[in-house]
Amino acid sequence: MIPEPGDPNREVPVNETFHVQTDDELAEKKLKQIEADDQAIQTILLGLPEDIYAAQMMKGSDIGIQ
């Protein structure tokens, strides 16, 4: 039987891989993004002249505070 549009009893196929992300999954994803951001900041700082790098490090261990 072919379902008619608007039929409230028709089945809607959903991929088995579809699921709602849990808080733990979202937290893990955010943590990975923070780690990647920190690594990018360090990479940028390593490319700076030594005096600028030292000045940034004197402001605090977390460059993102500024």
N, C-alpha and C. Protein backbone atom coordinates (compact mmCIF):
# COMPACT_ATOMS: atom_id res chain seq x y z
N MET A 1 0.83 -1.17 0.00
CA MET A 1 0.00 0.00 0.00
C MET A 1 0.89 1.25 0.00
N ILE A 2 0.56 2.20 -0.83
CA ILE A 2 1.30 3.45 -0.93
C ILE A 2 0.64 4.46 0.01
N PRO A 3 1.41 5.02 0.95
CA PRO A 3 0.81 5.98 1.88
C PRO A 3 0.45 7.29 1.18
N GLU A 4 -0.65 7.84 1.60
CA GLU A 4 -1.10 9.12 1.05
C GLU A 4 -0.48 10.26 1.87
N PRO A 5 -0.18 11.38 1.22
CA PRO A 5 0.33 12.53 1.97
C PRO A 5 -0.67 12.95 3.04
N GLY A 6 -0.17 13.23 4.22
CA GLY A 6 -1.03 13.65 5.33
C GLY A 6 -1.64 12.50 6.10
N ASP A 7 -1.35 11.26 5.71
CA ASP A 7 -1.88 10.09 6.42
C ASP A 7 -1.19 9.99 7.79
N PRO A 8 -1.92 10.16 8.88
CA PRO A 8 -1.29 10.14 10.21
C PRO A 8 -0.78 8.76 10.62
N ASN A 9 -1.19 7.71 9.94
CA ASN A 9 -0.79 6.36 10.32
C ASN A 9 0.38 5.83 9.50
N ARG A 10 0.90 6.64 8.58
CA ARG A 10 2.00 6.14 7.76
C ARG A 10 3.29 6.07 8.58
N GLU A 11 4.14 5.13 8.21
CA GLU A 11 5.42 4.97 8.89
C GLU A 11 6.44 5.90 8.26
N VAL A 12 7.25 6.51 9.08
CA VAL A 12 8.31 7.39 8.60
C VAL A 12 9.63 6.67 8.84
N PRO A 13 10.33 6.32 7.74
CA PRO A 13 11.60 5.62 7.93
C PRO A 13 12.65 6.55 8.54
N VAL A 14 13.36 6.04 9.54
CA VAL A 14 14.42 6.79 10.21
C VAL A 14 15.67 5.93 10.18
N ASN A 15 16.78 6.52 9.75
CA ASN A 15 18.04 5.77 9.73
C ASN A 15 18.36 5.28 11.13
N GLU A 16 18.91 4.08 11.21
CA GLU A 16 19.24 3.52 12.51
C GLU A 16 20.35 4.30 13.20
N THR A 17 21.17 4.99 12.42
CA THR A 17 22.27 5.74 13.01
C THR A 17 21.82 7.07 13.60
N PHE A 18 20.59 7.48 13.33
CA PHE A 18 20.09 8.74 13.85
C PHE A 18 19.79 8.61 15.33
N HIS A 19 20.33 9.52 16.11
CA HIS A 19 20.02 9.54 17.53
C HIS A 19 20.25 10.95 18.07
N VAL A 20 19.60 11.23 19.16
CA VAL A 20 19.77 12.53 19.82
C VAL A 20 21.07 12.47 20.61
N GLN A 21 21.89 13.51 20.46
CA GLN A 21 23.14 13.53 21.21
C GLN A 21 22.86 13.73 22.69
N THR A 22 23.58 12.97 23.50
CA THR A 22 23.44 13.11 24.94
C THR A 22 24.31 14.27 25.41
N ASP A 23 24.09 14.69 26.64
CA ASP A 23 24.90 15.76 27.22
C ASP A 23 26.37 15.36 27.25
N ASP A 24 26.65 14.07 27.53
CA ASP A 24 28.04 13.61 27.56
C ASP A 24 28.69 13.73 26.20
N GLU A 25 27.95 13.39 25.14
CA GLU A 25 28.50 13.49 23.79
C GLU A 25 28.76 14.95 23.42
N LEU A 26 27.84 15.82 23.79
CA LEU A 26 28.03 17.24 23.50
C LEU A 26 29.20 17.81 24.29
N ALA A 27 29.33 17.40 25.56
CA ALA A 27 30.43 17.87 26.40
C ALA A 27 31.76 17.39 25.83
N GLU A 28 31.80 16.14 25.37
CA GLU A 28 33.03 15.60 24.79
C GLU A 28 33.40 16.35 23.51
N LYS A 29 32.41 16.66 22.70
CA LYS A 29 32.66 17.41 21.46
C LYS A 29 33.19 18.80 21.79
N LYS A 30 32.60 19.45 22.79
CA LYS A 30 33.05 20.79 23.19
C LYS A 30 34.46 20.73 23.75
N LEU A 31 34.78 19.71 24.54
CA LEU A 31 36.12 19.56 25.10
C LEU A 31 37.15 19.40 23.99
N LYS A 32 36.82 18.60 22.98
CA LYS A 32 37.74 18.42 21.86
C LYS A 32 37.96 19.74 21.12
N GLN A 33 36.91 20.56 20.99
CA GLN A 33 37.04 21.86 20.32
C GLN A 33 37.93 22.79 21.15
N ILE A 34 37.76 22.78 22.47
CA ILE A 34 38.58 23.61 23.34
C ILE A 34 40.04 23.20 23.22
N GLU A 35 40.31 21.89 23.22
CA GLU A 35 41.68 21.41 23.10
C GLU A 35 42.28 21.82 21.75
N ALA A 36 41.49 21.74 20.69
CA ALA A 36 41.97 22.15 19.37
C ALA A 36 42.26 23.65 19.35
N ASP A 37 41.39 24.44 19.99
CA ASP A 37 41.62 25.88 20.07
C ASP A 37 42.90 26.20 20.83
N ASP A 38 43.11 25.51 21.96
CA ASP A 38 44.33 25.73 22.74
C ASP A 38 45.57 25.39 21.93
N GLN A 39 45.49 24.30 21.18
CA GLN A 39 46.63 23.90 20.34
C GLN A 39 46.88 24.95 19.26
N ALA A 40 45.83 25.49 18.68
CA ALA A 40 45.98 26.53 17.65
C ALA A 40 46.61 27.78 18.24
N ILE A 41 46.20 28.15 19.45
CA ILE A 41 46.79 29.32 20.12
C ILE A 41 48.27 29.10 20.34
N GLN A 42 48.63 27.93 20.84
CA GLN A 42 50.05 27.64 21.07
C GLN A 42 50.84 27.67 19.77
N THR A 43 50.27 27.14 18.70
CA THR A 43 50.94 27.15 17.40
C THR A 43 51.18 28.58 16.94
N ILE A 44 50.19 29.44 17.13
CA ILE A 44 50.33 30.85 16.74
C ILE A 44 51.41 31.52 17.59
N LEU A 45 51.37 31.27 18.90
CA LEU A 45 52.34 31.90 19.79
C LEU A 45 53.76 31.45 19.48
N LEU A 46 53.93 30.19 19.11
CA LEU A 46 55.27 29.70 18.79
C LEU A 46 55.84 30.38 17.55
N GLY A 47 54.96 30.90 16.71
CA GLY A 47 55.41 31.59 15.51
C GLY A 47 55.72 33.06 15.75
N LEU A 48 55.42 33.57 16.96
CA LEU A 48 55.67 34.97 17.27
C LEU A 48 57.12 35.17 17.70
N PRO A 49 57.61 36.38 17.53
CA PRO A 49 58.94 36.67 18.08
C PRO A 49 58.95 36.41 19.58
N GLU A 50 60.11 36.08 20.12
CA GLU A 50 60.22 35.65 21.51
C GLU A 50 59.70 36.70 22.50
N ASP A 51 59.93 37.98 22.26
CA ASP A 51 59.50 39.00 23.22
C ASP A 51 57.97 39.11 23.28
N ILE A 52 57.30 38.95 22.15
CA ILE A 52 55.84 38.99 22.14
C ILE A 52 55.28 37.76 22.84
N TYR A 53 55.89 36.60 22.58
CA TYR A 53 55.46 35.35 23.22
C TYR A 53 55.59 35.49 24.74
N ALA A 54 56.72 36.02 25.21
CA ALA A 54 56.95 36.17 26.65
C ALA A 54 55.92 37.12 27.25
N ALA A 55 55.61 38.21 26.56
CA ALA A 55 54.62 39.16 27.07
C ALA A 55 53.25 38.51 27.19
N GLN A 56 52.87 37.70 26.23
CA GLN A 56 51.58 37.01 26.30
C GLN A 56 51.55 36.02 27.46
N MET A 57 52.65 35.32 27.67
CA MET A 57 52.69 34.33 28.73
C MET A 57 52.68 35.00 30.11
N MET A 58 53.19 36.22 30.20
CA MET A 58 53.19 36.95 31.47
C MET A 58 51.77 37.35 31.87
N LYS A 59 50.87 37.47 30.91
CA LYS A 59 49.49 37.88 31.19
C LYS A 59 48.70 36.77 31.87
N GLY A 60 49.15 35.56 31.73
CA GLY A 60 48.45 34.44 32.36
C GLY A 60 48.66 33.18 31.55
N SER A 61 48.52 32.06 32.21
CA SER A 61 48.75 30.80 31.52
C SER A 61 47.66 30.50 30.51
N ASP A 62 46.47 31.08 30.72
CA ASP A 62 45.38 30.88 29.76
C ASP A 62 45.27 32.13 28.90
N ILE A 63 45.80 32.07 27.70
CA ILE A 63 45.79 33.22 26.80
C ILE A 63 44.36 33.64 26.49
N GLY A 64 43.41 32.71 26.56
CA GLY A 64 42.02 33.01 26.24
C GLY A 64 41.33 33.92 27.25
N ILE A 65 41.95 34.20 28.39
CA ILE A 65 41.34 35.04 29.42
C ILE A 65 41.16 36.47 28.93
N GLN A 66 42.06 36.94 28.10
CA GLN A 66 42.08 38.34 27.70
C GLN A 66 40.78 38.75 27.10
